[in-house]
Amino acid sequence: MKPILEQQGEQSVQSSEKAQPGSIVSRSISLILIILCAFGVMYSIGTGSMGLAVFTMLFLALLLGLPIAVSLGIASLFSIYFFTTDPLPNLAHKIFAGLNTFPLMAIPFFVLAGNIFTTGGVAKRLVKLTNAWVGHIPGGLSIAGIFACALFAAISGSSPATVVAIGGIMIPAMVNNGYDEKYAVGSIATAGSLGILIPPSIPMIVYGVTVDQSVGKLFIAGIIPGIMLAVLLSAVSFYIARKNNFQRAQKTPMSERIKALKDSIWSLSLPIVVIGGIYTGVFTPTESAAVAVILGLIVGMFIHKDLKIKDFKTLLVGASKTTSMLFFIISMAMLFAHILTLERIPHSIAELIVAWNVGPMMFLLIVNILLFLAGQFMEPTAMITILAPILFPVAMKLGIDPIHLGIVMVVNMEIGMITPPVGLNLYVASGLTGMPLLTVVKAALPWVLAVIVGLIFVTYVPAISLFLLSF
């Protein structure tokens, strides 16, 4: 998962940055903002305002181009050193205590499981299955790709990995069958975002740990919204294909459909076992992650026989890199949240919003706007660990279900994955196909609008997220 992502996505980000160094105007604006943040830091020291110091230092570090985890760490350590009496050596204990939680153990297991599924032949069998059943209708190959993304998301938990695994197969297939390349790239790049909504989902685990909510309930709550978004994306594909009269694939005989179903039965059983085990209480979400790894190894090595011993080194190294990156972000964000708590910033914001008599509907609109803006510059894990502690107390005072709030946040993160400038799925699709980034952005727009429509439904119809939890 991550090795492919690093090679495809991060290389394309770097090449895009080299190709577009920025205009004089943008550099001037950045310089002005850096100077303002620097003055803000000095002013905060003079006035003893830790709240101002932590935010201005964070923005200063980000504007200087430092990674989000490093920026969070610098801002937090700076504020603790200048404004508190906490001994710096004690911070190591705070970081360890924050990471020493049982639910976070699910992250390395799900990351490793995603790598195993990507390498173990699961993706190509899911693509073959969906092609056999829906490939002949208008936009059928695109719809097949979307539902293959949904199925793969149910076992990988990663949006970029879903784009790579399914897009590497489906995009060439669509182009070879007479579909427009922009149509093919746009539909798969957007459908890959289902990877963080349909459980298992690493952002859901981080949210649950951050605000002390049930990860299992979050997983169950993501199922119906994920299916709904897959249907909306498929409707867009159907409409565009029918309007442009794209060539349809030949209808697959029933015997071949049954064969494709038999070949995919083990791939389909993986999400059923993982999610079904959580739903029935057979095992916890953390235990389900370990079960997913074991099942993936058995299916990949002994049933599909696509996973070899020689692949293990790449799988383990890739999972270690991804896990260490995620845990670095989480640990630094926990320090940042510690500063916010000391300054009572979340509680002050909650009291301010309540004092304005903002109702639940208006608050959720504010949440969506805030998360949309944050999603343009931050990756999902950082967004959750920074913003969830701020938004959560307000939501509780307004009577908003915390599980519903978590799903709304994750859908917003989906949009962040498919919108520039940080939309990683777009970079991955660009690197995968060689298509210019701006062209990928334009191509994905119709499906992005469908996700926004889905967000509106998820936000204002809580039953979509909470229905399965009522049983």
Protein backbone atom coordinates (compact mmCIF):
# COMPACT_ATOMS: atom_id res chain seq x y z
CA MET A 1 0.00 0.00 0.00
CA LYS A 2 2.41 2.69 1.16
CA PRO A 3 5.37 1.71 -1.06
CA ILE A 4 3.20 2.09 -4.15
CA LEU A 5 1.73 5.26 -2.73
CA GLU A 6 5.16 6.71 -2.03
CA GLN A 7 6.39 5.91 -5.53
CA GLN A 8 3.25 7.06 -7.37
CA GLY A 9 1.74 9.80 -5.21
CA GLU A 10 4.70 11.46 -3.52
CA GLN A 11 6.82 11.47 -6.68
CA SER A 12 4.00 13.16 -8.57
CA VAL A 13 3.60 15.71 -5.76
CA GLN A 14 7.30 16.51 -5.97
CA SER A 15 7.32 16.72 -9.76
CA SER A 16 4.23 18.94 -9.66
CA GLU A 17 5.92 21.25 -7.18
CA LYS A 18 9.03 21.44 -9.37
CA ALA A 19 6.97 22.15 -12.45
CA GLN A 20 4.97 24.90 -10.73
CA PRO A 21 7.38 26.92 -8.57
CA GLY A 22 4.80 29.64 -7.86
CA SER A 23 4.26 33.17 -9.10
CA ILE A 24 5.73 36.36 -7.65
CA VAL A 25 2.31 37.23 -6.22
CA SER A 26 1.94 33.91 -4.38
CA ARG A 27 5.48 34.16 -3.02
CA SER A 28 4.84 37.71 -1.87
CA ILE A 29 1.66 36.66 -0.08
CA SER A 30 3.52 33.78 1.59
CA LEU A 31 6.29 36.14 2.72
CA ILE A 32 3.76 38.58 4.19
CA LEU A 33 2.00 35.77 6.06
CA ILE A 34 5.34 34.48 7.41
CA ILE A 35 6.23 37.97 8.67
CA LEU A 36 2.79 38.37 10.30
CA CYS A 37 3.12 34.97 12.03
CA ALA A 38 6.61 35.86 13.24
CA PHE A 39 5.29 39.12 14.72
CA GLY A 40 2.42 37.14 16.25
CA VAL A 41 4.87 34.81 17.97
CA MET A 42 6.87 37.74 19.40
CA TYR A 43 3.70 39.54 20.49
CA SER A 44 2.40 36.39 22.22
CA ILE A 45 5.65 36.10 24.21
CA GLY A 46 5.40 39.74 25.25
CA THR A 47 1.75 39.41 26.34
CA GLY A 48 1.99 35.90 27.77
CA SER A 49 -0.73 34.55 25.44
CA MET A 50 -0.07 30.83 25.00
CA GLY A 51 -3.13 30.33 22.80
CA LEU A 52 -1.92 32.92 20.31
CA ALA A 53 1.63 31.54 20.49
CA VAL A 54 0.72 27.94 19.67
CA PHE A 55 -1.37 28.87 16.61
CA THR A 56 0.98 31.50 15.19
CA MET A 57 3.95 29.16 15.67
CA LEU A 58 2.04 26.35 13.96
CA PHE A 59 1.14 28.50 10.94
CA LEU A 60 4.68 29.87 10.78
CA ALA A 61 6.14 26.36 10.63
CA LEU A 62 3.61 25.28 7.99
CA LEU A 63 4.30 28.37 5.86
CA LEU A 64 8.02 27.58 6.03
CA GLY A 65 7.22 24.21 4.47
CA LEU A 66 7.76 21.92 7.45
CA PRO A 67 5.72 18.68 7.61
CA ILE A 68 2.51 18.84 9.64
CA ALA A 69 3.83 16.53 12.39
CA VAL A 70 7.03 18.56 12.81
CA SER A 71 5.02 21.80 12.79
CA LEU A 72 2.71 20.52 15.52
CA GLY A 73 5.67 19.38 17.61
CA ILE A 74 7.57 22.67 17.29
CA ALA A 75 4.46 24.75 18.14
CA SER A 76 3.67 22.58 21.16
CA LEU A 77 7.23 22.42 22.55
CA PHE A 78 7.67 26.17 22.03
CA SER A 79 4.48 26.92 23.96
CA ILE A 80 5.23 24.46 26.76
CA TYR A 81 8.77 25.80 27.18
CA PHE A 82 7.84 29.51 27.30
CA PHE A 83 4.40 29.46 28.95
CA THR A 84 4.24 26.50 31.35
CA THR A 85 6.26 25.03 34.18
CA ASP A 86 6.04 21.48 32.80
CA PRO A 87 9.52 19.89 32.72
CA LEU A 88 10.35 19.00 29.14
CA PRO A 89 11.55 15.45 30.06
CA ASN A 90 8.03 14.72 31.32
CA LEU A 91 6.67 15.24 27.81
CA ALA A 92 8.06 11.89 26.73
CA HIS A 93 5.81 10.23 29.31
CA LYS A 94 2.79 12.24 28.07
CA ILE A 95 3.45 11.13 24.48
CA PHE A 96 3.87 7.49 25.50
CA ALA A 97 0.73 7.58 27.65
CA GLY A 98 -1.23 9.02 24.73
CA LEU A 99 -0.09 6.28 22.36
CA ASN A 100 -0.41 3.48 24.93
CA THR A 101 -4.06 2.76 24.11
CA PHE A 102 -5.44 -0.56 22.94
CA PRO A 103 -7.52 0.76 19.97
CA LEU A 104 -4.43 2.34 18.37
CA MET A 105 -2.95 -1.15 17.99
CA ALA A 106 -5.44 -1.64 15.15
CA ILE A 107 -3.60 0.89 12.96
CA PRO A 108 -0.42 -1.13 12.22
CA PHE A 109 -2.49 -4.29 11.70
CA PHE A 110 -4.90 -2.66 9.24
CA VAL A 111 -2.01 -0.99 7.41
CA LEU A 112 -0.28 -4.36 7.06
CA ALA A 113 -3.56 -6.01 6.03
CA GLY A 114 -4.02 -3.39 3.32
CA ASN A 115 -0.54 -4.13 1.98
CA ILE A 116 -1.26 -7.85 1.97
CA PHE A 117 -4.58 -7.44 0.15
CA THR A 118 -2.98 -5.17 -2.45
CA THR A 119 -0.25 -7.72 -3.18
CA GLY A 120 -2.29 -10.90 -2.68
CA GLY A 121 -4.46 -10.78 -5.81
CA VAL A 122 -7.63 -9.50 -4.13
CA ALA A 123 -8.00 -6.38 -6.31
CA LYS A 124 -7.93 -8.12 -9.69
CA ARG A 125 -10.55 -10.66 -8.59
CA LEU A 126 -12.87 -7.95 -7.33
CA VAL A 127 -12.49 -6.07 -10.63
CA LYS A 128 -13.25 -9.22 -12.62
CA LEU A 129 -16.34 -9.88 -10.50
CA THR A 130 -17.82 -6.40 -10.83
CA ASN A 131 -17.05 -6.27 -14.57
CA ALA A 132 -18.86 -9.55 -15.10
CA TRP A 133 -22.05 -8.34 -13.41
CA VAL A 134 -22.38 -4.66 -14.38
CA GLY A 135 -19.85 -4.08 -17.17
CA HIS A 136 -22.47 -4.19 -19.97
CA ILE A 137 -24.71 -1.29 -18.83
CA PRO A 138 -23.98 2.35 -19.84
CA GLY A 139 -20.84 3.36 -17.97
CA GLY A 140 -20.63 -0.24 -16.79
CA LEU A 141 -16.86 -0.42 -16.58
CA SER A 142 -16.77 2.78 -14.54
CA ILE A 143 -19.54 1.49 -12.27
CA ALA A 144 -17.66 -1.78 -11.94
CA GLY A 145 -14.56 0.18 -10.94
CA ILE A 146 -16.51 2.19 -8.36
CA PHE A 147 -17.96 -0.91 -6.69
CA ALA A 148 -14.58 -2.64 -6.90
CA CYS A 149 -13.20 0.39 -5.02
CA ALA A 150 -15.99 0.02 -2.44
CA LEU A 151 -15.23 -3.68 -1.95
CA PHE A 152 -11.48 -3.11 -1.79
CA ALA A 153 -12.02 -0.23 0.64
CA ALA A 154 -13.81 -2.67 2.93
CA ILE A 155 -10.54 -4.57 3.41
CA SER A 156 -7.78 -2.01 2.83
CA GLY A 157 -8.86 1.16 4.70
CA SER A 158 -6.72 3.39 2.44
CA SER A 159 -7.89 5.79 -0.26
CA PRO A 160 -4.63 6.14 -2.22
CA ALA A 161 -4.02 2.38 -2.11
CA THR A 162 -7.53 1.83 -3.49
CA VAL A 163 -6.83 4.21 -6.39
CA VAL A 164 -3.57 2.40 -7.19
CA ALA A 165 -4.93 -1.15 -6.84
CA ILE A 166 -8.19 -0.65 -8.76
CA GLY A 167 -7.13 2.22 -11.03
CA GLY A 168 -4.11 0.32 -12.30
CA ILE A 169 -6.48 -2.31 -13.70
CA MET A 170 -9.68 -0.39 -14.53
CA ILE A 171 -8.39 2.82 -16.12
CA PRO A 172 -6.54 1.02 -18.98
CA ALA A 173 -9.52 -1.33 -19.40
CA MET A 174 -11.92 1.61 -19.80
CA VAL A 175 -9.68 3.41 -22.29
CA ASN A 176 -9.26 0.20 -24.34
CA ASN A 177 -13.05 -0.17 -24.48
CA GLY A 178 -13.63 3.29 -25.94
CA TYR A 179 -14.20 5.32 -22.78
CA ASP A 180 -12.75 8.82 -22.57
CA GLU A 181 -9.54 8.80 -20.51
CA LYS A 182 -10.64 11.80 -18.43
CA TYR A 183 -13.88 10.00 -17.60
CA ALA A 184 -11.95 6.90 -16.53
CA VAL A 185 -9.44 8.77 -14.38
CA GLY A 186 -12.03 11.08 -12.79
CA SER A 187 -14.35 8.26 -11.72
CA ILE A 188 -11.66 6.03 -10.19
CA ALA A 189 -9.71 8.87 -8.51
CA THR A 190 -12.91 9.92 -6.74
CA ALA A 191 -14.17 6.42 -5.93
CA GLY A 192 -10.86 5.68 -4.22
CA SER A 193 -11.87 8.13 -1.49
CA LEU A 194 -14.32 5.47 -0.24
CA GLY A 195 -11.25 3.83 1.30
CA ILE A 196 -11.45 5.95 4.46
CA LEU A 197 -15.25 5.79 4.88
CA ILE A 198 -16.17 2.15 4.34
CA PRO A 199 -14.76 0.28 7.34
CA PRO A 200 -12.12 -0.54 8.36
CA SER A 201 -10.95 3.07 8.43
CA ILE A 202 -7.83 4.44 10.08
CA PRO A 203 -9.32 7.97 10.44
CA MET A 204 -12.26 6.41 12.33
CA ILE A 205 -9.83 4.68 14.72
CA VAL A 206 -8.01 7.97 15.33
CA TYR A 207 -11.30 9.83 15.91
CA GLY A 208 -12.52 7.17 18.35
CA VAL A 209 -9.29 7.33 20.36
CA THR A 210 -9.15 11.14 20.28
CA VAL A 211 -12.65 11.72 21.66
CA ASP A 212 -13.05 8.40 23.50
CA GLN A 213 -15.79 6.88 21.33
CA SER A 214 -16.41 3.27 20.24
CA VAL A 215 -14.38 2.42 17.14
CA GLY A 216 -16.70 -0.53 16.49
CA LYS A 217 -19.75 1.76 16.39
CA LEU A 218 -17.93 4.12 14.02
CA PHE A 219 -17.12 1.20 11.70
CA ILE A 220 -20.76 0.09 11.62
CA ALA A 221 -21.96 3.67 11.12
CA GLY A 222 -19.76 4.06 8.03
CA ILE A 223 -21.34 1.17 6.08
CA ILE A 224 -24.56 2.81 4.82
CA PRO A 225 -22.95 6.21 4.01
CA GLY A 226 -20.24 4.34 2.08
CA ILE A 227 -22.77 2.36 0.05
CA MET A 228 -24.83 5.52 -0.58
CA LEU A 229 -21.80 7.39 -1.91
CA ALA A 230 -20.89 4.44 -4.16
CA VAL A 231 -24.43 4.56 -5.61
CA LEU A 232 -24.23 8.35 -6.15
CA LEU A 233 -20.86 8.03 -7.90
CA SER A 234 -22.27 5.22 -10.07
CA ALA A 235 -25.26 7.39 -11.00
CA VAL A 236 -22.90 10.10 -12.25
CA SER A 237 -20.95 7.54 -14.28
CA PHE A 238 -24.18 6.16 -15.78
CA TYR A 239 -25.45 9.63 -16.72
CA ILE A 240 -22.21 10.80 -18.35
CA ALA A 241 -21.72 7.52 -20.24
CA ARG A 242 -25.28 7.54 -21.54
CA LYS A 243 -25.07 11.21 -22.53
CA ASN A 244 -21.81 10.65 -24.44
CA ASN A 245 -22.87 7.24 -25.80
CA PHE A 246 -19.73 5.46 -24.62
CA GLN A 247 -19.30 1.96 -26.01
CA ARG A 248 -20.75 -0.79 -23.84
CA ALA A 249 -18.97 -4.03 -23.07
CA GLN A 250 -20.49 -7.32 -24.17
CA LYS A 251 -22.90 -8.85 -21.68
CA THR A 252 -21.12 -11.59 -19.77
CA PRO A 253 -22.80 -15.02 -19.92
CA MET A 254 -24.27 -16.21 -16.65
CA SER A 255 -21.83 -19.12 -16.48
CA GLU A 256 -18.87 -16.70 -16.50
CA ARG A 257 -20.58 -14.50 -13.90
CA ILE A 258 -20.94 -17.48 -11.59
CA LYS A 259 -17.30 -18.42 -12.22
CA ALA A 260 -16.16 -14.86 -11.38
CA LEU A 261 -18.23 -15.03 -8.20
CA LYS A 262 -16.64 -18.35 -7.21
CA ASP A 263 -13.14 -16.99 -7.92
CA SER A 264 -13.88 -13.96 -5.73
CA ILE A 265 -15.61 -15.74 -2.87
CA TRP A 266 -12.54 -15.63 -0.60
CA SER A 267 -11.93 -11.95 -1.39
CA LEU A 268 -15.57 -11.18 -0.57
CA SER A 269 -15.41 -13.18 2.64
CA LEU A 270 -12.69 -10.95 4.10
CA PRO A 271 -14.86 -7.84 4.76
CA ILE A 272 -17.75 -10.06 5.83
CA VAL A 273 -15.62 -11.76 8.49
CA VAL A 274 -13.97 -8.53 9.69
CA ILE A 275 -17.09 -6.34 9.84
CA GLY A 276 -19.40 -9.22 10.78
CA GLY A 277 -17.13 -10.16 13.67
CA ILE A 278 -17.24 -6.61 15.03
CA TYR A 279 -21.01 -6.27 14.51
CA THR A 280 -21.77 -9.56 16.29
CA GLY A 281 -19.29 -8.89 19.07
CA VAL A 282 -17.08 -11.90 18.31
CA PHE A 283 -14.02 -9.65 18.42
CA THR A 284 -13.13 -6.01 18.96
CA PRO A 285 -12.01 -3.67 16.14
CA THR A 286 -8.40 -4.10 17.27
CA GLU A 287 -8.73 -7.88 17.26
CA SER A 288 -10.44 -7.70 13.86
CA ALA A 289 -7.34 -6.00 12.46
CA ALA A 290 -5.19 -8.97 13.54
CA VAL A 291 -7.78 -11.35 12.10
CA ALA A 292 -7.64 -9.44 8.79
CA VAL A 293 -3.85 -9.90 8.62
CA ILE A 294 -4.09 -13.65 9.28
CA LEU A 295 -6.92 -14.13 6.76
CA GLY A 296 -5.07 -12.04 4.18
CA LEU A 297 -1.95 -14.19 4.56
CA ILE A 298 -3.92 -17.44 4.29
CA VAL A 299 -5.90 -16.29 1.23
CA GLY A 300 -2.94 -14.63 -0.50
CA MET A 301 -0.43 -17.46 0.05
CA PHE A 302 -2.45 -20.68 0.02
CA ILE A 303 -5.66 -19.93 -1.92
CA HIS A 304 -4.87 -17.20 -4.47
CA LYS A 305 -1.14 -18.09 -4.35
CA ASP A 306 -0.22 -14.56 -5.50
CA LEU A 307 1.60 -13.72 -2.26
CA LYS A 308 5.16 -15.05 -2.00
CA ILE A 309 7.65 -15.23 0.85
CA LYS A 310 9.89 -12.78 -1.02
CA ASP A 311 7.11 -10.15 -0.78
CA PHE A 312 7.19 -10.12 3.03
CA LYS A 313 10.12 -7.73 3.36
CA THR A 314 8.43 -5.12 1.17
CA LEU A 315 5.11 -5.58 2.99
CA LEU A 316 6.60 -5.21 6.47
CA VAL A 317 8.86 -2.28 5.60
CA GLY A 318 5.98 -0.46 3.88
CA ALA A 319 3.64 -1.05 6.82
CA SER A 320 6.33 0.11 9.26
CA LYS A 321 6.90 3.35 7.34
CA THR A 322 3.19 4.13 7.16
CA THR A 323 2.57 3.27 10.82
CA SER A 324 5.51 5.32 12.07
CA MET A 325 4.35 8.31 10.01
CA LEU A 326 0.80 8.05 11.39
CA PHE A 327 1.98 7.59 14.98
CA PHE A 328 4.36 10.54 14.68
CA ILE A 329 1.46 12.75 13.60
CA ILE A 330 -0.80 11.39 16.36
CA SER A 331 1.80 11.86 19.10
CA MET A 332 2.59 15.45 18.09
CA ALA A 333 -1.10 16.24 17.71
CA MET A 334 -1.68 14.94 21.25
CA LEU A 335 0.88 17.44 22.54
CA PHE A 336 -0.95 20.14 20.60
CA ALA A 337 -4.27 19.01 22.10
CA HIS A 338 -2.62 19.19 25.55
CA ILE A 339 -1.89 22.90 24.95
CA LEU A 340 -5.46 23.51 23.79
CA THR A 341 -6.75 21.85 26.96
CA LEU A 342 -4.46 23.91 29.21
CA GLU A 343 -5.76 27.09 27.57
CA ARG A 344 -9.37 25.79 27.65
CA ILE A 345 -9.66 26.73 23.98
CA PRO A 346 -12.18 23.97 23.06
CA HIS A 347 -14.38 24.88 26.04
CA SER A 348 -14.15 28.59 25.24
CA ILE A 349 -15.18 27.97 21.63
CA ALA A 350 -18.03 25.74 22.80
CA GLU A 351 -19.29 28.40 25.21
CA LEU A 352 -18.97 31.09 22.53
CA ILE A 353 -20.97 29.12 19.95
CA VAL A 354 -23.63 28.22 22.52
CA ALA A 355 -23.82 31.90 23.55
CA TRP A 356 -24.51 32.80 19.90
CA ASN A 357 -27.53 30.49 20.05
CA VAL A 358 -26.22 28.48 17.11
CA GLY A 359 -28.46 25.48 16.56
CA PRO A 360 -27.34 21.99 15.54
CA MET A 361 -28.04 22.56 11.83
CA MET A 362 -26.04 25.80 11.67
CA PHE A 363 -23.24 24.24 13.73
CA LEU A 364 -22.98 21.31 11.32
CA LEU A 365 -22.80 23.78 8.42
CA ILE A 366 -19.95 25.58 10.22
CA VAL A 367 -18.25 22.21 10.79
CA ASN A 368 -18.49 21.33 7.09
CA ILE A 369 -17.09 24.68 5.98
CA LEU A 370 -14.26 24.49 8.52
CA LEU A 371 -13.37 20.91 7.58
CA PHE A 372 -13.54 21.69 3.85
CA LEU A 373 -11.06 24.53 4.30
CA ALA A 374 -8.81 22.43 6.57
CA GLY A 375 -8.96 19.55 4.09
CA GLN A 376 -7.31 21.71 1.45
CA PHE A 377 -4.12 21.88 3.51
CA MET A 378 -4.07 18.98 5.98
CA GLU A 379 -4.18 15.21 5.78
CA PRO A 380 -6.98 13.29 7.57
CA THR A 381 -5.09 12.11 10.68
CA ALA A 382 -3.86 15.62 11.50
CA MET A 383 -7.32 17.10 10.88
CA ILE A 384 -8.95 14.74 13.35
CA THR A 385 -6.40 15.07 16.13
CA ILE A 386 -6.42 18.88 15.93
CA LEU A 387 -10.09 19.67 15.22
CA ALA A 388 -12.01 16.83 16.90
CA PRO A 389 -11.15 17.98 20.47
CA ILE A 390 -12.36 21.48 19.52
CA LEU A 391 -15.60 20.45 17.78
CA PHE A 392 -16.56 17.58 20.08
CA PRO A 393 -17.50 19.61 23.21
CA VAL A 394 -19.68 21.94 21.12
CA ALA A 395 -21.46 19.02 19.49
CA MET A 396 -22.14 17.46 22.88
CA LYS A 397 -23.67 20.70 24.20
CA LEU A 398 -25.91 20.90 21.13
CA GLY A 399 -27.04 17.29 21.47
CA ILE A 400 -25.35 16.01 18.30
CA ASP A 401 -24.54 12.30 18.37
CA PRO A 402 -20.73 11.85 18.60
CA ILE A 403 -20.80 8.89 16.16
CA HIS A 404 -22.73 11.00 13.65
CA LEU A 405 -20.19 13.81 14.05
CA GLY A 406 -17.38 11.32 13.38
CA ILE A 407 -18.95 10.15 10.11
CA VAL A 408 -19.51 13.76 9.00
CA MET A 409 -15.83 14.47 9.66
CA VAL A 410 -14.68 11.40 7.69
CA VAL A 411 -16.84 12.29 4.66
CA ASN A 412 -15.30 15.77 4.73
CA MET A 413 -11.89 14.13 4.73
CA GLU A 414 -12.93 12.19 1.63
CA ILE A 415 -13.52 15.51 -0.11
CA GLY A 416 -10.10 16.70 1.05
CA MET A 417 -8.55 13.62 -0.62
CA ILE A 418 -10.04 14.57 -4.01
CA THR A 419 -9.65 18.36 -4.03
CA PRO A 420 -6.43 20.36 -4.55
CA PRO A 421 -3.94 21.40 -3.37
CA VAL A 422 -3.39 18.46 -0.99
CA GLY A 423 -5.81 15.95 -2.57
CA LEU A 424 -3.54 12.93 -2.51
CA ASN A 425 -5.85 10.77 -4.64
CA LEU A 426 -5.49 13.30 -7.47
CA TYR A 427 -1.70 13.13 -7.31
CA VAL A 428 -1.79 9.33 -7.26
CA ALA A 429 -4.12 9.23 -10.30
CA SER A 430 -1.88 11.74 -12.08
CA GLY A 431 1.23 9.69 -11.33
CA LEU A 432 -0.54 6.47 -12.33
CA THR A 433 -1.65 7.75 -15.76
CA GLY A 434 0.78 10.54 -16.59
CA MET A 435 -2.16 12.95 -16.95
CA PRO A 436 -1.46 16.55 -15.82
CA LEU A 437 -2.75 17.30 -12.33
CA LEU A 438 -5.03 20.13 -13.47
CA THR A 439 -6.63 17.82 -16.03
CA VAL A 440 -7.26 15.21 -13.32
CA VAL A 441 -8.87 17.87 -11.11
CA LYS A 442 -11.25 18.91 -13.89
CA ALA A 443 -12.00 15.30 -14.82
CA ALA A 444 -12.95 14.41 -11.23
CA LEU A 445 -15.26 17.41 -10.73
CA PRO A 446 -18.64 15.72 -11.57
CA TRP A 447 -17.95 12.92 -9.09
CA VAL A 448 -16.65 15.38 -6.46
CA LEU A 449 -20.00 17.19 -6.69
CA ALA A 450 -21.74 13.85 -6.07
CA VAL A 451 -19.67 13.36 -2.90
CA ILE A 452 -20.66 16.86 -1.74
CA VAL A 453 -24.34 15.95 -2.29
CA GLY A 454 -23.72 12.80 -0.26
CA LEU A 455 -22.13 14.89 2.50
CA ILE A 456 -25.29 17.04 2.71
CA PHE A 457 -27.43 13.92 3.16
CA VAL A 458 -25.08 12.41 5.75
CA THR A 459 -24.89 15.72 7.66
CA TYR A 460 -28.60 16.45 7.91
CA VAL A 461 -30.06 12.93 7.95
CA PRO A 462 -28.34 11.33 10.98
CA ALA A 463 -30.31 8.11 10.46
CA ILE A 464 -28.10 7.31 7.46
CA SER A 465 -25.17 6.89 9.84
CA LEU A 466 -27.00 5.68 12.93
CA PHE A 467 -29.56 3.24 11.45
CA LEU A 468 -27.48 0.07 11.84
CA LEU A 469 -26.61 1.00 15.41
CA SER A 470 -30.27 0.79 16.40
CA PHE A 471 -30.29 -3.00 16.09
